[in-house]
Amino acid sequence: MRLKILRSMAVSAGLLAVVSFSPCPAQPTSSAGPHRDSERKPPAAMKTVGVLGGLGPQATMDFERRLHRAAQRVIPQRLNGGYPPMVVWYCRHPPVVVKEDGVPELPLRADPRLLEAAARLGQVADFLVIPSNTPHALQPEIERAAGKRVVSMVGATIDEVRRRGWKRVGIAALGQPLFYTEPLGRLGVACETLDAPARDALDPAIFRVMEGREGAQDRAAARAAVQHLRARRVDGIILGCTELPLLLGAAADEDPDLLNPADLLAASAVAAATESP
């Protein structure tokens, strides 16, 4: 198989590499080859997923893993062809305009580099996903820049809350998660968020995950945040920051009262990539 680099762009918004694979010339047949179980073929054409990522780097890598795992559940696997084509952009800046002290300016405004990245992804992808919660507050602006729709992680999570019939939901997140509390409130779902001391412990832990230097104290802060919300007798808890599953480990996927938006987004992205035109 020949590897051809179609385009590599280093710009102020991040790094994007677009790669294509060309079939090698036919080789003589032999008894060595794919196992009989892999003879089922994946769909002939799948849509290309554009991932507007890097907003935390570790969470973006976790999302990529989850998308591949979601594909394995629903797409017949054959070598490396049983996965949707995917282009990932790692932003190296905040998603919104911030002050000198790093605090976002209000009202929230998209960093121009985020919109530039969305526009470039829109040139090579059929739709976008964002494995970070806060930028969903800017979804209409991102869609205009990309010229493509965003398959929403927040929307998938709210749909799952409705499917489960939860009426009182805890939300663990960085800062105040208005991107969840406002739409859930309009649906009549009561929301519980972290108080100031719990947020003061959790926020630095999330930042350390982004930097790849989290430790036992940070994992303990995440567990304490979950317990804090459970004590309020909620039906379930939204892990409203994609770094939280990395702090909670297996519990993020195994505890029945925890809702992991990154996993829901992975399933939604695979469904969008394989849906009929």
C-alpha atoms as a PDB file:
ATOM      1  CA  MET A   1       0.000   0.000   0.000  1.00  0.00           C
ATOM      2  CA  ARG A   2       1.470   3.328  -1.086  1.00  0.00           C
ATOM      3  CA  LEU A   3       1.087   6.302   1.237  1.00  0.00           C
ATOM      4  CA  LYS A   4       0.582   9.690  -0.334  1.00  0.00           C
ATOM      5  CA  ILE A   5       0.625  12.930   1.633  1.00  0.00           C
ATOM      6  CA  LEU A   6      -2.053  15.071   0.044  1.00  0.00           C
ATOM      7  CA  ARG A   7      -1.659  18.135   2.186  1.00  0.00           C
ATOM      8  CA  SER A   8       0.147  19.196   5.325  1.00  0.00           C
ATOM      9  CA  MET A   9      -0.618  22.617   6.705  1.00  0.00           C
ATOM     10  CA  ALA A  10       0.970  24.308   9.688  1.00  0.00           C
ATOM     11  CA  VAL A  11      -0.904  27.494  10.502  1.00  0.00           C
ATOM     12  CA  SER A  12      -1.586  29.654  13.503  1.00  0.00           C
ATOM     13  CA  ALA A  13      -4.683  27.633  14.368  1.00  0.00           C
ATOM     14  CA  GLY A  14      -2.948  24.274  14.680  1.00  0.00           C
ATOM     15  CA  LEU A  15      -1.738  21.415  12.532  1.00  0.00           C
ATOM     16  CA  LEU A  16      -3.711  19.478   9.942  1.00  0.00           C
ATOM     17  CA  ALA A  17      -2.418  16.556   7.941  1.00  0.00           C
ATOM     18  CA  VAL A  18      -4.530  14.948   5.208  1.00  0.00           C
ATOM     19  CA  VAL A  19      -3.402  11.490   4.170  1.00  0.00           C
ATOM     20  CA  SER A  20      -4.639   9.084   1.499  1.00  0.00           C
ATOM     21  CA  PHE A  21      -3.833   5.451   0.880  1.00  0.00           C
ATOM     22  CA  SER A  22      -3.415   4.040  -2.627  1.00  0.00           C
ATOM     23  CA  PRO A  23      -3.784   0.311  -3.245  1.00  0.00           C
ATOM     24  CA  CYS A  24      -0.586  -1.581  -3.961  1.00  0.00           C
ATOM     25  CA  PRO A  25      -0.384  -3.683  -7.132  1.00  0.00           C
ATOM     26  CA  ALA A  26      -2.094  -7.022  -6.807  1.00  0.00           C
ATOM     27  CA  GLN A  27       0.035  -9.672  -5.146  1.00  0.00           C
ATOM     28  CA  PRO A  28      -0.059 -13.385  -5.897  1.00  0.00           C
ATOM     29  CA  THR A  29      -2.590 -15.211  -3.814  1.00  0.00           C
ATOM     30  CA  SER A  30      -1.440 -17.505  -1.061  1.00  0.00           C
ATOM     31  CA  SER A  31      -2.808 -19.242   1.956  1.00  0.00           C
ATOM     32  CA  ALA A  32      -1.680 -16.324   4.120  1.00  0.00           C
ATOM     33  CA  GLY A  33      -4.264 -13.571   4.331  1.00  0.00           C
ATOM     34  CA  PRO A  34      -7.137 -12.143   6.336  1.00  0.00           C
ATOM     35  CA  HIS A  35      -8.958 -14.511   8.590  1.00  0.00           C
ATOM     36  CA  ARG A  36     -12.272 -15.814   7.290  1.00  0.00           C
ATOM     37  CA  ASP A  37     -14.083 -13.693   9.919  1.00  0.00           C
ATOM     38  CA  SER A  38     -12.916 -10.536   8.135  1.00  0.00           C
ATOM     39  CA  GLU A  39     -14.488 -11.462   4.786  1.00  0.00           C
ATOM     40  CA  ARG A  40     -17.560  -9.352   5.578  1.00  0.00           C
ATOM     41  CA  LYS A  41     -16.942  -6.005   3.937  1.00  0.00           C
ATOM     42  CA  PRO A  42     -17.448  -2.560   5.476  1.00  0.00           C
ATOM     43  CA  PRO A  43     -19.720  -0.070   3.680  1.00  0.00           C
ATOM     44  CA  ALA A  44     -18.427   0.935   0.257  1.00  0.00           C
ATOM     45  CA  ALA A  45     -18.529   4.637   1.114  1.00  0.00           C
ATOM     46  CA  MET A  46     -18.497   6.359   4.472  1.00  0.00           C
ATOM     47  CA  LYS A  47     -18.571  10.061   5.218  1.00  0.00           C
ATOM     48  CA  THR A  48     -15.418  11.755   6.475  1.00  0.00           C
ATOM     49  CA  VAL A  49     -15.436  12.881  10.100  1.00  0.00           C
ATOM     50  CA  GLY A  50     -13.768  16.215  10.840  1.00  0.00           C
ATOM     51  CA  VAL A  51     -12.633  16.442  14.456  1.00  0.00           C
ATOM     52  CA  LEU A  52     -12.154  19.960  15.807  1.00  0.00           C
ATOM     53  CA  GLY A  53      -9.952  18.869  18.667  1.00  0.00           C
ATOM     54  CA  GLY A  54      -6.977  19.676  20.835  1.00  0.00           C
ATOM     55  CA  LEU A  55      -9.025  21.744  23.239  1.00  0.00           C
ATOM     56  CA  GLY A  56      -7.869  19.285  25.459  1.00  0.00           C
ATOM     57  CA  PRO A  57      -5.290  17.126  23.768  1.00  0.00           C
ATOM     58  CA  GLN A  58      -5.671  14.079  26.018  1.00  0.00           C
ATOM     59  CA  ALA A  59      -9.460  14.165  25.652  1.00  0.00           C
ATOM     60  CA  THR A  60      -9.150  14.339  21.865  1.00  0.00           C
ATOM     61  CA  MET A  61      -6.934  11.254  21.828  1.00  0.00           C
ATOM     62  CA  ASP A  62      -9.429   9.501  24.091  1.00  0.00           C
ATOM     63  CA  PHE A  63     -12.242  10.425  21.689  1.00  0.00           C
ATOM     64  CA  GLU A  64     -10.328   8.997  18.727  1.00  0.00           C
ATOM     65  CA  ARG A  65     -10.005   5.706  20.603  1.00  0.00           C
ATOM     66  CA  ARG A  66     -13.698   5.724  21.463  1.00  0.00           C
ATOM     67  CA  LEU A  67     -14.728   6.397  17.867  1.00  0.00           C
ATOM     68  CA  HIS A  68     -12.712   3.417  16.646  1.00  0.00           C
ATOM     69  CA  ARG A  69     -14.239   1.250  19.346  1.00  0.00           C
ATOM     70  CA  ALA A  70     -17.750   2.457  18.414  1.00  0.00           C
ATOM     71  CA  ALA A  71     -17.037   1.604  14.768  1.00  0.00           C
ATOM     72  CA  GLN A  72     -15.969  -1.921  15.728  1.00  0.00           C
ATOM     73  CA  ARG A  73     -19.387  -2.478  17.298  1.00  0.00           C
ATOM     74  CA  VAL A  74     -21.435  -1.616  14.205  1.00  0.00           C
ATOM     75  CA  ILE A  75     -19.246  -1.818  11.080  1.00  0.00           C
ATOM     76  CA  PRO A  76     -18.004  -5.128   9.635  1.00  0.00           C
ATOM     77  CA  GLN A  77     -14.243  -5.051  10.143  1.00  0.00           C
ATOM     78  CA  ARG A  78     -11.754  -5.789   7.371  1.00  0.00           C
ATOM     79  CA  LEU A  79      -8.130  -4.868   8.110  1.00  0.00           C
ATOM     80  CA  ASN A  80      -8.045  -1.082   8.565  1.00  0.00           C
ATOM     81  CA  GLY A  81     -11.061  -0.402   6.354  1.00  0.00           C
ATOM     82  CA  GLY A  82     -13.832  -0.819   8.903  1.00  0.00           C
ATOM     83  CA  TYR A  83     -13.603   2.720  10.230  1.00  0.00           C
ATOM     84  CA  PRO A  84     -14.880   6.061   8.928  1.00  0.00           C
ATOM     85  CA  PRO A  85     -12.285   8.322   7.297  1.00  0.00           C
ATOM     86  CA  MET A  86     -11.265  10.924   9.871  1.00  0.00           C
ATOM     87  CA  VAL A  87      -9.322  14.194   9.805  1.00  0.00           C
ATOM     88  CA  VAL A  88      -8.300  15.584  13.209  1.00  0.00           C
ATOM     89  CA  TRP A  89      -7.272  19.162  13.911  1.00  0.00           C
ATOM     90  CA  TYR A  90      -5.467  19.837  17.187  1.00  0.00           C
ATOM     91  CA  CYS A  91      -6.047  23.453  18.219  1.00  0.00           C
ATOM     92  CA  ARG A  92      -3.271  24.891  20.382  1.00  0.00           C
ATOM     93  CA  HIS A  93      -5.223  27.795  21.854  1.00  0.00           C
ATOM     94  CA  PRO A  94      -8.405  28.409  23.882  1.00  0.00           C
ATOM     95  CA  PRO A  95     -11.650  28.084  21.922  1.00  0.00           C
ATOM     96  CA  VAL A  96     -12.795  31.549  22.995  1.00  0.00           C
ATOM     97  CA  VAL A  97     -11.245  34.990  23.293  1.00  0.00           C
ATOM     98  CA  VAL A  98      -9.659  35.360  26.728  1.00  0.00           C
ATOM     99  CA  LYS A  99      -8.229  38.228  28.762  1.00  0.00           C
ATOM    100  CA  GLU A 100      -4.557  38.497  29.717  1.00  0.00           C
ATOM    101  CA  ASP A 101      -5.273  36.482  32.895  1.00  0.00           C
ATOM    102  CA  GLY A 102      -6.800  33.658  30.823  1.00  0.00           C
ATOM    103  CA  VAL A 103     -10.397  34.372  31.876  1.00  0.00           C
ATOM    104  CA  PRO A 104     -12.857  34.309  28.940  1.00  0.00           C
ATOM    105  CA  GLU A 105     -14.270  37.616  27.817  1.00  0.00           C
ATOM    106  CA  LEU A 106     -18.041  37.929  28.137  1.00  0.00           C
ATOM    107  CA  PRO A 107     -20.113  37.465  26.163  1.00  0.00           C
ATOM    108  CA  LEU A 108     -18.219  34.487  24.793  1.00  0.00           C
ATOM    109  CA  ARG A 109     -16.625  35.044  21.394  1.00  0.00           C
ATOM    110  CA  ALA A 110     -14.949  32.389  19.290  1.00  0.00           C
ATOM    111  CA  ASP A 111     -11.200  32.719  18.925  1.00  0.00           C
ATOM    112  CA  PRO A 112     -10.662  33.527  15.211  1.00  0.00           C
ATOM    113  CA  ARG A 113      -8.187  30.637  15.018  1.00  0.00           C
ATOM    114  CA  LEU A 114     -10.963  28.222  16.015  1.00  0.00           C
ATOM    115  CA  LEU A 115     -13.096  29.430  13.124  1.00  0.00           C
ATOM    116  CA  GLU A 116     -10.122  29.203  10.766  1.00  0.00           C
ATOM    117  CA  ALA A 117      -9.621  25.586  11.816  1.00  0.00           C
ATOM    118  CA  ALA A 118     -13.330  24.868  11.316  1.00  0.00           C
ATOM    119  CA  ALA A 119     -13.178  26.388   7.830  1.00  0.00           C
ATOM    120  CA  ARG A 120     -10.216  24.213   6.852  1.00  0.00           C
ATOM    121  CA  LEU A 121     -11.870  21.084   8.221  1.00  0.00           C
ATOM    122  CA  GLY A 122     -14.999  21.949   6.277  1.00  0.00           C
ATOM    123  CA  GLN A 123     -12.980  21.661   3.063  1.00  0.00           C
ATOM    124  CA  VAL A 124     -12.109  17.993   3.664  1.00  0.00           C
ATOM    125  CA  ALA A 125     -14.827  16.624   5.962  1.00  0.00           C
ATOM    126  CA  ASP A 126     -18.527  15.889   5.503  1.00  0.00           C
ATOM    127  CA  PHE A 127     -19.392  16.978   9.043  1.00  0.00           C
ATOM    128  CA  LEU A 128     -17.610  18.123  12.205  1.00  0.00           C
ATOM    129  CA  VAL A 129     -17.511  16.886  15.781  1.00  0.00           C
ATOM    130  CA  ILE A 130     -16.030  18.711  18.777  1.00  0.00           C
ATOM    131  CA  PRO A 131     -14.798  16.531  21.684  1.00  0.00           C
ATOM    132  CA  SER A 132     -15.005  19.473  24.084  1.00  0.00           C
ATOM    133  CA  ASN A 133     -18.147  20.850  25.695  1.00  0.00           C
ATOM    134  CA  THR A 134     -17.651  24.633  25.916  1.00  0.00           C
ATOM    135  CA  PRO A 135     -17.288  25.289  22.145  1.00  0.00           C
ATOM    136  CA  HIS A 136     -20.813  23.975  21.647  1.00  0.00           C
ATOM    137  CA  ALA A 137     -21.985  27.355  22.926  1.00  0.00           C
ATOM    138  CA  LEU A 138     -20.554  28.654  19.621  1.00  0.00           C
ATOM    139  CA  GLN A 139     -21.961  25.881  17.415  1.00  0.00           C
ATOM    140  CA  PRO A 140     -23.891  28.091  14.946  1.00  0.00           C
ATOM    141  CA  GLU A 141     -20.799  30.238  14.355  1.00  0.00           C
ATOM    142  CA  ILE A 142     -18.599  27.149  13.881  1.00  0.00           C
ATOM    143  CA  GLU A 143     -21.072  25.663  11.403  1.00  0.00           C
ATOM    144  CA  ARG A 144     -21.118  28.880   9.376  1.00  0.00           C
ATOM    145  CA  ALA A 145     -17.323  28.944   9.260  1.00  0.00           C
ATOM    146  CA  ALA A 146     -17.080  25.285   8.237  1.00  0.00           C
ATOM    147  CA  GLY A 147     -19.989  25.264   5.846  1.00  0.00           C
ATOM    148  CA  LYS A 148     -20.830  21.884   7.383  1.00  0.00           C
ATOM    149  CA  ARG A 149     -22.997  20.720  10.244  1.00  0.00           C
ATOM    150  CA  VAL A 150     -21.659  19.907  13.692  1.00  0.00           C
ATOM    151  CA  VAL A 151     -22.820  16.590  15.162  1.00  0.00           C
ATOM    152  CA  SER A 152     -23.339  17.842  18.699  1.00  0.00           C
ATOM    153  CA  MET A 153     -21.968  16.115  21.773  1.00  0.00           C
ATOM    154  CA  VAL A 154     -24.217  18.274  23.970  1.00  0.00           C
ATOM    155  CA  GLY A 155     -27.249  17.371  21.864  1.00  0.00           C
ATOM    156  CA  ALA A 156     -26.443  13.654  22.063  1.00  0.00           C
ATOM    157  CA  THR A 157     -26.124  13.911  25.836  1.00  0.00           C
ATOM    158  CA  ILE A 158     -29.406  15.749  26.283  1.00  0.00           C
ATOM    159  CA  ASP A 159     -31.129  13.166  24.088  1.00  0.00           C
ATOM    160  CA  GLU A 160     -29.745  10.414  26.331  1.00  0.00           C
ATOM    161  CA  VAL A 161     -30.985  12.186  29.469  1.00  0.00           C
ATOM    162  CA  ARG A 162     -34.448  12.277  27.924  1.00  0.00           C
ATOM    163  CA  ARG A 163     -34.232   8.635  26.848  1.00  0.00           C
ATOM    164  CA  ARG A 164     -33.349   7.587  30.398  1.00  0.00           C
ATOM    165  CA  GLY A 165     -36.162   9.681  31.850  1.00  0.00           C
ATOM    166  CA  TRP A 166     -33.919  11.552  34.273  1.00  0.00           C
ATOM    167  CA  LYS A 167     -35.689  14.445  35.988  1.00  0.00           C
ATOM    168  CA  ARG A 168     -32.909  15.650  38.280  1.00  0.00           C
ATOM    169  CA  VAL A 169     -29.390  15.711  36.861  1.00  0.00           C
ATOM    170  CA  GLY A 170     -26.004  16.532  38.340  1.00  0.00           C
ATOM    171  CA  ILE A 171     -23.417  18.150  36.092  1.00  0.00           C
ATOM    172  CA  ALA A 172     -19.691  17.982  36.870  1.00  0.00           C
ATOM    173  CA  ALA A 173     -17.805  20.418  34.672  1.00  0.00           C
ATOM    174  CA  LEU A 174     -15.273  23.196  34.409  1.00  0.00           C
ATOM    175  CA  GLY A 175     -16.907  26.371  35.713  1.00  0.00           C
ATOM    176  CA  GLN A 176     -20.641  26.814  35.210  1.00  0.00           C
ATOM    177  CA  PRO A 177     -21.977  24.430  32.525  1.00  0.00           C
ATOM    178  CA  LEU A 178     -24.612  26.709  30.983  1.00  0.00           C
ATOM    179  CA  PHE A 179     -24.402  24.709  27.755  1.00  0.00           C
ATOM    180  CA  TYR A 180     -26.171  21.916  29.687  1.00  0.00           C
ATOM    181  CA  THR A 181     -28.194  23.682  32.378  1.00  0.00           C
ATOM    182  CA  GLU A 182     -30.017  26.018  29.994  1.00  0.00           C
ATOM    183  CA  PRO A 183     -31.316  23.452  27.460  1.00  0.00           C
ATOM    184  CA  LEU A 184     -32.098  20.940  30.209  1.00  0.00           C
ATOM    185  CA  GLY A 185     -33.963  23.627  32.145  1.00  0.00           C
ATOM    186  CA  ARG A 186     -36.109  24.326  29.085  1.00  0.00           C
ATOM    187  CA  LEU A 187     -37.037  20.631  29.116  1.00  0.00           C
ATOM    188  CA  GLY A 188     -38.083  20.815  32.754  1.00  0.00           C
ATOM    189  CA  VAL A 189     -35.052  18.867  34.012  1.00  0.00           C
ATOM    190  CA  ALA A 190     -33.686  20.136  37.333  1.00  0.00           C
ATOM    191  CA  CYS A 191     -29.902  20.564  37.385  1.00  0.00           C
ATOM    192  CA  GLU A 192     -27.437  20.375  40.258  1.00  0.00           C
ATOM    193  CA  THR A 193     -23.938  21.783  39.771  1.00  0.00           C
ATOM    194  CA  LEU A 194     -20.828  21.851  41.927  1.00  0.00           C
ATOM    195  CA  ASP A 195     -20.456  24.438  44.659  1.00  0.00           C
ATOM    196  CA  ALA A 196     -17.444  26.745  44.765  1.00  0.00           C
ATOM    197  CA  PRO A 197     -15.158  24.572  46.948  1.00  0.00           C
ATOM    198  CA  ALA A 198     -15.737  21.511  44.749  1.00  0.00           C
ATOM    199  CA  ARG A 199     -15.095  23.534  41.578  1.00  0.00           C
ATOM    200  CA  ASP A 200     -11.963  25.068  43.088  1.00  0.00           C
ATOM    201  CA  ALA A 201     -10.580  21.548  43.578  1.00  0.00           C
ATOM    202  CA  LEU A 202     -11.761  20.148  40.237  1.00  0.00           C
ATOM    203  CA  ASP A 203     -10.814  22.944  37.846  1.00  0.00           C
ATOM    204  CA  PRO A 204      -7.028  22.684  38.403  1.00  0.00           C
ATOM    205  CA  ALA A 205      -7.284  18.896  38.072  1.00  0.00           C
ATOM    206  CA  ILE A 206      -8.873  19.324  34.631  1.00  0.00           C
ATOM    207  CA  PHE A 207      -6.117  21.707  33.557  1.00  0.00           C
ATOM    208  CA  ARG A 208      -3.476  19.234  34.669  1.00  0.00           C
ATOM    209  CA  VAL A 209      -5.071  16.518  32.524  1.00  0.00           C
ATOM    210  CA  MET A 210      -4.795  18.873  29.545  1.00  0.00           C
ATOM    211  CA  GLU A 211      -1.096  19.236  30.335  1.00  0.00           C
ATOM    212  CA  GLY A 212      -0.612  15.499  30.802  1.00  0.00           C
ATOM    213  CA  ARG A 213       0.542  15.779  34.409  1.00  0.00           C
ATOM    214  CA  GLU A 214      -2.450  14.741  36.526  1.00  0.00           C
ATOM    215  CA  GLY A 215      -1.850  12.777  39.710  1.00  0.00           C
ATOM    216  CA  ALA A 216      -3.592  11.007  42.564  1.00  0.00           C
ATOM    217  CA  GLN A 217      -4.831  14.273  44.083  1.00  0.00           C
ATOM    218  CA  ASP A 218      -6.548  15.208  40.822  1.00  0.00           C
ATOM    219  CA  ARG A 219      -8.230  11.827  40.489  1.00  0.00           C
ATOM    220  CA  ALA A 220      -9.430  12.190  44.089  1.00  0.00           C
ATOM    221  CA  ALA A 221     -10.925  15.614  43.259  1.00  0.00           C
ATOM    222  CA  ALA A 222     -12.910  14.092  40.393  1.00  0.00           C
ATOM    223  CA  ARG A 223     -14.230  11.283  42.594  1.00  0.00           C
ATOM    224  CA  ALA A 224     -15.164  13.811  45.286  1.00  0.00           C
ATOM    225  CA  ALA A 225     -17.065  15.914  42.734  1.00  0.00           C
ATOM    226  CA  VAL A 226     -19.117  12.888  41.706  1.00  0.00           C
ATOM    227  CA  GLN A 227     -19.871  12.018  45.330  1.00  0.00           C
ATOM    228  CA  HIS A 228     -20.807  15.648  45.992  1.00  0.00           C
ATOM    229  CA  LEU A 229     -23.497  15.449  43.302  1.00  0.00           C
ATOM    230  CA  ARG A 230     -24.675  11.977  44.294  1.00  0.00           C
ATOM    231  CA  ALA A 231     -25.329  13.330  47.771  1.00  0.00           C
ATOM    232  CA  ARG A 232     -27.909  15.640  46.224  1.00  0.00           C
ATOM    233  CA  ARG A 233     -30.004  12.625  45.185  1.00  0.00           C
ATOM    234  CA  VAL A 234     -29.790  13.181  41.445  1.00  0.00           C
ATOM    235  CA  ASP A 235     -30.977  10.553  38.970  1.00  0.00           C
ATOM    236  CA  GLY A 236     -27.634  10.644  37.206  1.00  0.00           C
ATOM    237  CA  ILE A 237     -24.570  12.753  36.519  1.00  0.00           C
ATOM    238  CA  ILE A 238     -23.292  14.224  33.258  1.00  0.00           C
ATOM    239  CA  LEU A 239     -19.501  14.231  33.041  1.00  0.00           C
ATOM    240  CA  GLY A 240     -19.597  17.677  31.467  1.00  0.00           C
ATOM    241  CA  CYS A 241     -15.896  17.956  30.780  1.00  0.00           C
ATOM    242  CA  THR A 242     -14.144  15.465  28.508  1.00  0.00           C
ATOM    243  CA  GLU A 243     -11.154  15.306  30.853  1.00  0.00           C
ATOM    244  CA  LEU A 244     -13.275  13.802  33.643  1.00  0.00           C
ATOM    245  CA  PRO A 245     -13.398  10.240  32.222  1.00  0.00           C
ATOM    246  CA  LEU A 246      -9.599  10.295  32.165  1.00  0.00           C
ATOM    247  CA  LEU A 247      -9.592  11.135  35.872  1.00  0.00           C
ATOM    248  CA  LEU A 248     -12.323   8.666  36.830  1.00  0.00           C
ATOM    249  CA  GLY A 249     -11.007   5.708  34.847  1.00  0.00           C
ATOM    250  CA  ALA A 250     -13.258   2.696  34.364  1.00  0.00           C
ATOM    251  CA  ALA A 251     -16.004   4.166  36.554  1.00  0.00           C
ATOM    252  CA  ALA A 252     -16.797   6.736  33.850  1.00  0.00           C
ATOM    253  CA  ASP A 253     -18.037   3.942  31.582  1.00  0.00           C
ATOM    254  CA  GLU A 254     -19.163   1.357  34.123  1.00  0.00           C
ATOM    255  CA  ASP A 255     -21.123   3.285  36.787  1.00  0.00           C
ATOM    256  CA  PRO A 256     -24.766   3.320  35.619  1.00  0.00           C
ATOM    257  CA  ASP A 257     -25.464   6.800  36.972  1.00  0.00           C
ATOM    258  CA  LEU A 258     -22.594   8.442  35.040  1.00  0.00           C
ATOM    259  CA  LEU A 259     -23.160   9.754  31.523  1.00  0.00           C
ATOM    260  CA  ASN A 260     -20.033  10.100  29.394  1.00  0.00           C
ATOM    261  CA  PRO A 261     -20.652  12.602  26.548  1.00  0.00           C
ATOM    262  CA  ALA A 262     -17.450  11.631  24.697  1.00  0.00           C
ATOM    263  CA  ASP A 263     -18.696   8.069  24.317  1.00  0.00           C
ATOM    264  CA  LEU A 264     -22.101   9.270  23.124  1.00  0.00           C
ATOM    265  CA  LEU A 265     -20.407  11.543  20.585  1.00  0.00           C
ATOM    266  CA  ALA A 266     -18.280   8.669  19.279  1.00  0.00           C
ATOM    267  CA  ALA A 267     -21.402   6.589  18.618  1.00  0.00           C
ATOM    268  CA  SER A 268     -23.163   9.571  17.011  1.00  0.00           C
ATOM    269  CA  ALA A 269     -20.179  10.262  14.744  1.00  0.00           C
ATOM    270  CA  VAL A 270     -20.087   6.660  13.496  1.00  0.00           C
ATOM    271  CA  ALA A 271     -23.841   6.745  12.895  1.00  0.00           C
ATOM    272  CA  ALA A 272     -23.510   9.987  10.915  1.00  0.00           C
ATOM    273  CA  ALA A 273     -20.606   8.607   8.884  1.00  0.00           C
ATOM    274  CA  THR A 274     -22.527   5.491   7.871  1.00  0.00           C
ATOM    275  CA  GLU A 275     -25.999   6.943   7.318  1.00  0.00           C
ATOM    276  CA  SER A 276     -27.489   6.868   3.845  1.00  0.00           C
ATOM    277  CA  PRO A 277     -27.265  10.076   1.780  1.00  0.00           C
END
